[in-house]
C-alpha cells in the first residue's frame, strides 16, 4: 500500500453516480446529491471532468477541470447561495 506524497492533498471524495438529473458525491461515508438545476456547471460537462474531483480539506470539494469549488453547506443548502455563473 502506498501513502500519498507529503504536501499533495489526497481525496477521499468520489463521484458514485451520474444521471440525467444530477450527480452523487461520496465523502466520509456521506452521499450528497447535486442536481443540475442547482449546480448547472456539471450538466453538459464531460464525464472525465466530473470524475476529476479533489477534496483539499474536509468538506471542501474542487473540480480543477471545471474550476468549480463547493463546500458541504453549499451542497446541502444551495438556496442560500445564488448562482454566480450561468
PDB file of N, CA and C in Angstrom:
ATOM      1  N   UNK A   1       0.833  -1.164   0.000  1.00  0.00           N
ATOM      2  CA  UNK A   1       0.000   0.000   0.000  1.00  0.00           C
ATOM      3  C   UNK A   1       0.884   1.236   0.000  1.00  0.00           C
ATOM      4  N   UNK A   2       0.582   2.189  -0.859  1.00  0.00           N
ATOM      5  CA  UNK A   2       1.346   3.421  -0.950  1.00  0.00           C
ATOM      6  C   UNK A   2       0.597   4.541  -0.260  1.00  0.00           C
ATOM      7  N   UNK A   3       1.314   5.356   0.484  1.00  0.00           N
ATOM      8  CA  UNK A   3       0.737   6.529   1.113  1.00  0.00           C
ATOM      9  C   UNK A   3       0.885   7.706   0.173  1.00  0.00           C
ATOM     10  N   UNK A   4      -0.004   8.690   0.303  1.00  0.00           N
ATOM     11  CA  UNK A   4       0.134   9.881  -0.533  1.00  0.00           C
ATOM     12  C   UNK A   4       1.452  10.593  -0.245  1.00  0.00           C
ATOM     13  N   UNK A   5       1.971  11.270  -1.235  1.00  0.00           N
ATOM     14  CA  UNK A   5       3.199  12.039  -1.090  1.00  0.00           C
ATOM     15  C   UNK A   5       2.911  13.232  -0.189  1.00  0.00           C
ATOM     16  N   UNK A   6       3.820  13.500   0.749  1.00  0.00           N
ATOM     17  CA  UNK A   6       3.657  14.627   1.665  1.00  0.00           C
ATOM     18  C   UNK A   6       3.519  15.927   0.880  1.00  0.00           C
ATOM     19  N   UNK A   7       2.522  16.737   1.249  1.00  0.00           N
ATOM     20  CA  UNK A   7       2.329  18.025   0.588  1.00  0.00           C
ATOM     21  C   UNK A   7       1.352  17.981  -0.565  1.00  0.00           C
ATOM     22  N   UNK A   8       0.962  16.801  -0.998  1.00  0.00           N
ATOM     23  CA  UNK A   8      -0.011  16.678  -2.079  1.00  0.00           C
ATOM     24  C   UNK A   8      -1.321  16.218  -1.461  1.00  0.00           C
ATOM     25  N   UNK A   9      -2.389  17.035  -1.617  1.00  0.00           N
ATOM     26  CA  UNK A   9      -3.643  16.651  -0.986  1.00  0.00           C
ATOM     27  C   UNK A   9      -4.197  15.365  -1.576  1.00  0.00           C
ATOM     28  N   UNK A  10      -4.694  14.498  -0.709  1.00  0.00           N
ATOM     29  CA  UNK A  10      -5.346  13.293  -1.197  1.00  0.00           C
ATOM     30  C   UNK A  10      -6.843  13.493  -1.045  1.00  0.00           C
ATOM     31  N   UNK A  11      -7.595  12.781  -1.823  1.00  0.00           N
ATOM     32  CA  UNK A  11      -9.027  12.977  -1.818  1.00  0.00           C
ATOM     33  C   UNK A  11      -9.737  11.704  -1.444  1.00  0.00           C
ATOM     34  N   UNK A  12     -10.611  11.808  -0.457  1.00  0.00           N
ATOM     35  CA  UNK A  12     -11.467  10.694  -0.124  1.00  0.00           C
ATOM     36  C   UNK A  12     -12.798  10.821  -0.833  1.00  0.00           C
ATOM     37  N   UNK A  13     -12.983  11.895  -1.570  1.00  0.00           N
ATOM     38  CA  UNK A  13     -14.238  12.148  -2.269  1.00  0.00           C
ATOM     39  C   UNK A  13     -14.261  11.421  -3.602  1.00  0.00           C
ATOM     40  N   UNK A  14     -15.443  10.936  -3.957  1.00  0.00           N
ATOM     41  CA  UNK A  14     -15.599  10.330  -5.278  1.00  0.00           C
ATOM     42  C   UNK A  14     -17.022  10.532  -5.774  1.00  0.00           C
ATOM     43  N   UNK A  15     -17.162  10.551  -7.071  1.00  0.00           N
ATOM     44  CA  UNK A  15     -18.474  10.620  -7.708  1.00  0.00           C
ATOM     45  C   UNK A  15     -18.934   9.181  -7.877  1.00  0.00           C
ATOM     46  N   UNK A  16     -20.087   8.856  -7.290  1.00  0.00           N
ATOM     47  CA  UNK A  16     -20.561   7.472  -7.318  1.00  0.00           C
ATOM     48  C   UNK A  16     -21.589   7.215  -8.402  1.00  0.00           C
ATOM     49  N   UNK A  17     -22.232   8.275  -8.905  1.00  0.00           N
ATOM     50  CA  UNK A  17     -23.234   8.090  -9.950  1.00  0.00           C
ATOM     51  C   UNK A  17     -23.473   9.411 -10.664  1.00  0.00           C
ATOM     52  N   UNK A  18     -23.710   9.319 -11.958  1.00  0.00           N
ATOM     53  CA  UNK A  18     -24.088  10.475 -12.768  1.00  0.00           C
ATOM     54  C   UNK A  18     -25.353  10.076 -13.506  1.00  0.00           C
ATOM     55  N   UNK A  19     -26.403  10.895 -13.382  1.00  0.00           N
ATOM     56  CA  UNK A  19     -27.666  10.586 -14.056  1.00  0.00           C
ATOM     57  C   UNK A  19     -28.121  11.779 -14.886  1.00  0.00           C
ATOM     58  N   UNK A  20     -29.284  11.665 -15.472  1.00  0.00           N
ATOM     59  CA  UNK A  20     -29.824  12.768 -16.261  1.00  0.00           C
ATOM     60  C   UNK A  20     -30.329  13.905 -15.371  1.00  0.00           C
ATOM     61  N   UNK A  21     -30.377  13.694 -14.058  1.00  0.00           N
ATOM     62  CA  UNK A  21     -30.873  14.708 -13.124  1.00  0.00           C
ATOM     63  C   UNK A  21     -29.777  15.365 -12.295  1.00  0.00           C
ATOM     64  N   UNK A  22     -28.629  14.702 -12.186  1.00  0.00           N
ATOM     65  CA  UNK A  22     -27.548  15.242 -11.378  1.00  0.00           C
ATOM     66  C   UNK A  22     -26.509  14.188 -11.069  1.00  0.00           C
ATOM     67  N   UNK A  23     -25.720  14.445 -10.044  1.00  0.00           N
ATOM     68  CA  UNK A  23     -24.661  13.508  -9.689  1.00  0.00           C
ATOM     69  C   UNK A  23     -24.620  13.304  -8.184  1.00  0.00           C
ATOM     70  N   UNK A  24     -24.043  12.178  -7.784  1.00  0.00           N
ATOM     71  CA  UNK A  24     -23.899  11.820  -6.379  1.00  0.00           C
ATOM     72  C   UNK A  24     -22.428  11.838  -6.019  1.00  0.00           C
ATOM     73  N   UNK A  25     -22.125  12.507  -4.921  1.00  0.00           N
ATOM     74  CA  UNK A  25     -20.766  12.638  -4.426  1.00  0.00           C
ATOM     75  C   UNK A  25     -20.691  11.935  -3.071  1.00  0.00           C
ATOM     76  N   UNK A  26     -19.696  11.085  -2.901  1.00  0.00           N
ATOM     77  CA  UNK A  26     -19.486  10.376  -1.641  1.00  0.00           C
ATOM     78  C   UNK A  26     -18.227  10.907  -0.973  1.00  0.00           C
ATOM     79  N   UNK A  27     -18.368  11.293   0.300  1.00  0.00           N
ATOM     80  CA  UNK A  27     -17.229  11.767   1.076  1.00  0.00           C
ATOM     81  C   UNK A  27     -17.471  11.434   2.541  1.00  0.00           C
ATOM     82  N   UNK A  28     -16.489  10.805   3.164  1.00  0.00           N
ATOM     83  CA  UNK A  28     -16.579  10.467   4.594  1.00  0.00           C
ATOM     84  C   UNK A  28     -17.872   9.734   4.933  1.00  0.00           C
ATOM     85  N   UNK A  29     -18.191   8.736   4.135  1.00  0.00           N
ATOM     86  CA  UNK A  29     -19.372   7.899   4.356  1.00  0.00           C
ATOM     87  C   UNK A  29     -20.692   8.662   4.285  1.00  0.00           C
ATOM     88  N   UNK A  30     -20.688   9.815   3.645  1.00  0.00           N
ATOM     89  CA  UNK A  30     -21.924  10.571   3.437  1.00  0.00           C
ATOM     90  C   UNK A  30     -22.074  10.837   1.944  1.00  0.00           C
ATOM     91  N   UNK A  31     -23.266  10.601   1.420  1.00  0.00           N
ATOM     92  CA  UNK A  31     -23.504  10.820  -0.001  1.00  0.00           C
ATOM     93  C   UNK A  31     -24.361  12.068  -0.186  1.00  0.00           C
ATOM     94  N   UNK A  32     -23.946  12.911  -1.115  1.00  0.00           N
ATOM     95  CA  UNK A  32     -24.635  14.161  -1.427  1.00  0.00           C
ATOM     96  C   UNK A  32     -25.137  14.094  -2.863  1.00  0.00           C
ATOM     97  N   UNK A  33     -26.341  14.639  -3.100  1.00  0.00           N
ATOM     98  CA  UNK A  33     -26.872  14.732  -4.456  1.00  0.00           C
ATOM     99  C   UNK A  33     -26.742  16.171  -4.927  1.00  0.00           C
ATOM    100  N   UNK A  34     -26.163  16.354  -6.103  1.00  0.00           N
ATOM    101  CA  UNK A  34     -26.027  17.673  -6.711  1.00  0.00           C
ATOM    102  C   UNK A  34     -26.875  17.686  -7.976  1.00  0.00           C
ATOM    103  N   UNK A  35     -28.008  18.363  -7.924  1.00  0.00           N
ATOM    104  CA  UNK A  35     -28.883  18.415  -9.099  1.00  0.00           C
ATOM    105  C   UNK A  35     -28.312  19.405 -10.111  1.00  0.00           C
ATOM    106  N   UNK A  36     -28.585  19.151 -11.372  1.00  0.00           N
ATOM    107  CA  UNK A  36     -28.136  20.076 -12.414  1.00  0.00           C
ATOM    108  C   UNK A  36     -28.869  21.405 -12.310  1.00  0.00           C
ATOM    109  N   UNK A  37     -30.076  21.385 -11.752  1.00  0.00           N
ATOM    110  CA  UNK A  37     -30.830  22.624 -11.575  1.00  0.00           C
ATOM    111  C   UNK A  37     -30.094  23.562 -10.614  1.00  0.00           C
ATOM    112  N   UNK A  38     -29.555  22.998  -9.540  1.00  0.00           N
ATOM    113  CA  UNK A  38     -28.829  23.806  -8.561  1.00  0.00           C
ATOM    114  C   UNK A  38     -27.357  23.997  -8.901  1.00  0.00           C
ATOM    115  N   UNK A  39     -26.788  23.066  -9.638  1.00  0.00           N
ATOM    116  CA  UNK A  39     -25.364  23.098  -9.974  1.00  0.00           C
ATOM    117  C   UNK A  39     -25.192  22.887 -11.482  1.00  0.00           C
ATOM    118  N   UNK A  40     -25.555  23.899 -12.273  1.00  0.00           N
ATOM    119  CA  UNK A  40     -25.597  23.747 -13.733  1.00  0.00           C
ATOM    120  C   UNK A  40     -24.241  23.526 -14.396  1.00  0.00           C
ATOM    121  N   UNK A  41     -23.164  23.789 -13.686  1.00  0.00           N
ATOM    122  CA  UNK A  41     -21.827  23.635 -14.273  1.00  0.00           C
ATOM    123  C   UNK A  41     -21.545  22.194 -14.680  1.00  0.00           C
ATOM    124  N   UNK A  42     -22.241  21.255 -14.063  1.00  0.00           N
ATOM    125  CA  UNK A  42     -21.986  19.841 -14.330  1.00  0.00           C
ATOM    126  C   UNK A  42     -22.841  19.264 -15.455  1.00  0.00           C
ATOM    127  N   UNK A  43     -23.921  19.942 -15.823  1.00  0.00           N
ATOM    128  CA  UNK A  43     -24.915  19.365 -16.734  1.00  0.00           C
ATOM    129  C   UNK A  43     -24.327  18.899 -18.061  1.00  0.00           C
ATOM    130  N   UNK A  44     -23.560  19.727 -18.706  1.00  0.00           N
ATOM    131  CA  UNK A  44     -23.017  19.374 -20.020  1.00  0.00           C
ATOM    132  C   UNK A  44     -21.520  19.079 -19.976  1.00  0.00           C
ATOM    133  N   UNK A  45     -20.990  18.917 -18.781  1.00  0.00           N
ATOM    134  CA  UNK A  45     -19.556  18.644 -18.635  1.00  0.00           C
ATOM    135  C   UNK A  45     -19.245  17.195 -19.000  1.00  0.00           C
ATOM    136  N   UNK A  46     -18.105  16.952 -19.626  1.00  0.00           N
ATOM    137  CA  UNK A  46     -17.695  15.573 -19.914  1.00  0.00           C
ATOM    138  C   UNK A  46     -17.514  14.776 -18.619  1.00  0.00           C
ATOM    139  N   UNK A  47     -17.835  13.515 -18.674  1.00  0.00           N
ATOM    140  CA  UNK A  47     -17.765  12.637 -17.506  1.00  0.00           C
ATOM    141  C   UNK A  47     -16.383  12.686 -16.854  1.00  0.00           C
ATOM    142  N   UNK A  48     -15.342  12.636 -17.649  1.00  0.00           N
ATOM    143  CA  UNK A  48     -13.988  12.649 -17.099  1.00  0.00           C
ATOM    144  C   UNK A  48     -13.703  13.881 -16.259  1.00  0.00           C
ATOM    145  N   UNK A  49     -14.252  15.014 -16.655  1.00  0.00           N
ATOM    146  CA  UNK A  49     -14.042  16.246 -15.891  1.00  0.00           C
ATOM    147  C   UNK A  49     -14.845  16.240 -14.595  1.00  0.00           C
ATOM    148  N   UNK A  50     -16.006  15.610 -14.607  1.00  0.00           N
ATOM    149  CA  UNK A  50     -16.810  15.488 -13.385  1.00  0.00           C
ATOM    150  C   UNK A  50     -16.134  14.533 -12.407  1.00  0.00           C
ATOM    151  N   UNK A  51     -15.568  13.463 -12.928  1.00  0.00           N
ATOM    152  CA  UNK A  51     -14.928  12.463 -12.069  1.00  0.00           C
ATOM    153  C   UNK A  51     -13.623  12.960 -11.450  1.00  0.00           C
ATOM    154  N   UNK A  52     -13.020  13.973 -12.048  1.00  0.00           N
ATOM    155  CA  UNK A  52     -11.764  14.522 -11.528  1.00  0.00           C
ATOM    156  C   UNK A  52     -12.073  15.488 -10.383  1.00  0.00           C
ATOM    157  N   UNK A  53     -12.295  14.936  -9.208  1.00  0.00           N
ATOM    158  CA  UNK A  53     -12.655  15.722  -8.026  1.00  0.00           C
ATOM    159  C   UNK A  53     -11.553  15.614  -6.984  1.00  0.00           C
ATOM    160  N   UNK A  54     -11.328  16.713  -6.293  1.00  0.00           N
ATOM    161  CA  UNK A  54     -10.363  16.755  -5.195  1.00  0.00           C
ATOM    162  C   UNK A  54     -11.079  17.244  -3.940  1.00  0.00           C
ATOM    163  N   UNK A  55     -10.593  16.821  -2.795  1.00  0.00           N
ATOM    164  CA  UNK A  55     -11.085  17.319  -1.512  1.00  0.00           C
ATOM    165  C   UNK A  55      -9.883  17.862  -0.748  1.00  0.00           C
ATOM    166  N   UNK A  56      -9.491  19.114  -1.053  1.00  0.00           N
ATOM    167  CA  UNK A  56      -8.280  19.668  -0.452  1.00  0.00           C
ATOM    168  C   UNK A  56      -8.351  19.801   1.068  1.00  0.00           C
ATOM    169  N   UNK A  57      -9.548  19.927   1.602  1.00  0.00           N
ATOM    170  CA  UNK A  57      -9.759  19.909   3.051  1.00  0.00           C
ATOM    171  C   UNK A  57     -11.131  19.289   3.294  1.00  0.00           C
ATOM    172  N   UNK A  58     -11.372  18.762   4.473  1.00  0.00           N
ATOM    173  CA  UNK A  58     -12.652  18.089   4.729  1.00  0.00           C
ATOM    174  C   UNK A  58     -13.851  19.002   4.437  1.00  0.00           C
ATOM    175  N   UNK A  59     -14.748  18.501   3.607  1.00  0.00           N
ATOM    176  CA  UNK A  59     -15.954  19.250   3.279  1.00  0.00           C
ATOM    177  C   UNK A  59     -15.784  20.320   2.224  1.00  0.00           C
ATOM    178  N   UNK A  60     -14.629  20.377   1.591  1.00  0.00           N
ATOM    179  CA  UNK A  60     -14.363  21.345   0.521  1.00  0.00           C
ATOM    180  C   UNK A  60     -13.988  20.564  -0.724  1.00  0.00           C
ATOM    181  N   UNK A  61     -14.787  20.705  -1.768  1.00  0.00           N
ATOM    182  CA  UNK A  61     -14.603  19.920  -2.986  1.00  0.00           C
ATOM    183  C   UNK A  61     -14.221  20.832  -4.141  1.00  0.00           C
ATOM    184  N   UNK A  62     -13.303  20.346  -4.960  1.00  0.00           N
ATOM    185  CA  UNK A  62     -12.805  21.142  -6.085  1.00  0.00           C
ATOM    186  C   UNK A  62     -12.695  20.266  -7.317  1.00  0.00           C
ATOM    187  N   UNK A  63     -13.240  20.771  -8.426  1.00  0.00           N
ATOM    188  CA  UNK A  63     -13.141  20.128  -9.728  1.00  0.00           C
ATOM    189  C   UNK A  63     -12.211  21.001 -10.567  1.00  0.00           C
ATOM    190  N   UNK A  64     -10.920  20.674 -10.636  1.00  0.00           N
ATOM    191  CA  UNK A  64      -9.956  21.537 -11.326  1.00  0.00           C
ATOM    192  C   UNK A  64     -10.235  21.712 -12.815  1.00  0.00           C
ATOM    193  N   UNK A  65     -10.736  20.687 -13.470  1.00  0.00           N
ATOM    194  CA  UNK A  65     -11.004  20.793 -14.907  1.00  0.00           C
ATOM    195  C   UNK A  65     -12.189  21.705 -15.206  1.00  0.00           C
ATOM    196  N   UNK A  66     -13.050  21.919 -14.221  1.00  0.00           N
ATOM    197  CA  UNK A  66     -14.237  22.761 -14.401  1.00  0.00           C
ATOM    198  C   UNK A  66     -14.123  24.081 -13.641  1.00  0.00           C
ATOM    199  N   UNK A  67     -13.073  24.225 -12.835  1.00  0.00           N
ATOM    200  CA  UNK A  67     -12.861  25.388 -11.976  1.00  0.00           C
ATOM    201  C   UNK A  67     -14.087  25.648 -11.098  1.00  0.00           C
ATOM    202  N   UNK A  68     -14.571  24.570 -10.456  1.00  0.00           N
ATOM    203  CA  UNK A  68     -15.727  24.646  -9.561  1.00  0.00           C
ATOM    204  C   UNK A  68     -15.270  24.281  -8.153  1.00  0.00           C
ATOM    205  N   UNK A  69     -15.592  25.145  -7.205  1.00  0.00           N
ATOM    206  CA  UNK A  69     -15.316  24.957  -5.777  1.00  0.00           C
ATOM    207  C   UNK A  69     -16.645  24.916  -5.042  1.00  0.00           C
ATOM    208  N   UNK A  70     -16.878  23.888  -4.242  1.00  0.00           N
ATOM    209  CA  UNK A  70     -18.114  23.804  -3.461  1.00  0.00           C
ATOM    210  C   UNK A  70     -17.812  23.285  -2.065  1.00  0.00           C
ATOM    211  N   UNK A  71     -18.531  23.805  -1.106  1.00  0.00           N
ATOM    212  CA  UNK A  71     -18.455  23.308   0.258  1.00  0.00           C
ATOM    213  C   UNK A  71     -19.706  22.520   0.595  1.00  0.00           C
ATOM    214  N   UNK A  72     -19.648  21.770   1.674  1.00  0.00           N
ATOM    215  CA  UNK A  72     -20.785  20.951   2.094  1.00  0.00           C
ATOM    216  C   UNK A  72     -22.026  21.810   2.306  1.00  0.00           C
ATOM    217  N   UNK A  73     -21.880  22.972   2.937  1.00  0.00           N
ATOM    218  CA  UNK A  73     -23.049  23.815   3.189  1.00  0.00           C
ATOM    219  C   UNK A  73     -23.704  24.259   1.883  1.00  0.00           C
ATOM    220  N   UNK A  74     -22.908  24.568   0.892  1.00  0.00           N
ATOM    221  CA  UNK A  74     -23.448  24.952  -0.413  1.00  0.00           C
ATOM    222  C   UNK A  74     -24.218  23.800  -1.037  1.00  0.00           C
ATOM    223  N   UNK A  75     -23.700  22.599  -0.915  1.00  0.00           N
ATOM    224  CA  UNK A  75     -24.353  21.420  -1.485  1.00  0.00           C
ATOM    225  C   UNK A  75     -25.645  21.104  -0.730  1.00  0.00           C
ATOM    226  N   UNK A  76     -25.605  21.185   0.590  1.00  0.00           N
ATOM    227  CA  UNK A  76     -26.788  20.857   1.385  1.00  0.00           C
ATOM    228  C   UNK A  76     -27.854  21.949   1.349  1.00  0.00           C
ATOM    229  N   UNK A  77     -27.448  23.205   1.123  1.00  0.00           N
ATOM    230  CA  UNK A  77     -28.383  24.336   1.132  1.00  0.00           C
ATOM    231  C   UNK A  77     -28.117  25.269  -0.053  1.00  0.00           C
ATOM    232  N   UNK A  78     -28.307  24.799  -1.276  1.00  0.00           N
ATOM    233  CA  UNK A  78     -27.996  25.645  -2.434  1.00  0.00           C
ATOM    234  C   UNK A  78     -28.839  26.918  -2.496  1.00  0.00           C
ATOM    235  N   UNK A  79     -30.010  26.903  -1.859  1.00  0.00           N
ATOM    236  CA  UNK A  79     -30.872  28.088  -1.875  1.00  0.00           C
ATOM    237  C   UNK A  79     -30.228  29.277  -1.155  1.00  0.00           C
ATOM    238  N   UNK A  80     -29.262  29.029  -0.304  1.00  0.00           N
ATOM    239  CA  UNK A  80     -28.569  30.103   0.416  1.00  0.00           C
ATOM    240  C   UNK A  80     -27.491  30.780  -0.426  1.00  0.00           C
ATOM    241  N   UNK A  81     -27.150  30.163  -1.544  1.00  0.00           N
ATOM    242  CA  UNK A  81     -26.039  30.645  -2.361  1.00  0.00           C
ATOM    243  C   UNK A  81     -26.509  30.859  -3.796  1.00  0.00           C
ATOM    244  N   UNK A  82     -26.854  32.090  -4.155  1.00  0.00           N
ATOM    245  CA  UNK A  82     -27.280  32.327  -5.540  1.00  0.00           C
ATOM    246  C   UNK A  82     -26.149  32.008  -6.513  1.00  0.00           C
ATOM    247  N   UNK A  83     -26.531  31.513  -7.660  1.00  0.00           N
ATOM    248  CA  UNK A  83     -25.535  31.145  -8.675  1.00  0.00           C
ATOM    249  C   UNK A  83     -24.758  32.375  -9.118  1.00  0.00           C
ATOM    250  N   UNK A  84     -23.458  32.210  -9.238  1.00  0.00           N
ATOM    251  CA  UNK A  84     -22.594  33.302  -9.653  1.00  0.00           C
ATOM    252  C   UNK A  84     -22.197  33.199 -11.123  1.00  0.00           C
ATOM    253  N   UNK A  85     -22.528  32.075 -11.734  1.00  0.00           N
ATOM    254  CA  UNK A  85     -22.172  31.878 -13.142  1.00  0.00           C
ATOM    255  C   UNK A  85     -23.368  31.294 -13.868  1.00  0.00           C
ATOM    256  N   UNK A  86     -23.428  31.519 -15.149  1.00  0.00           N
ATOM    257  CA  UNK A  86     -24.523  30.972 -15.973  1.00  0.00           C
ATOM    258  C   UNK A  86     -23.964  29.966 -16.949  1.00  0.00           C
TER     259      UNK A  86
END
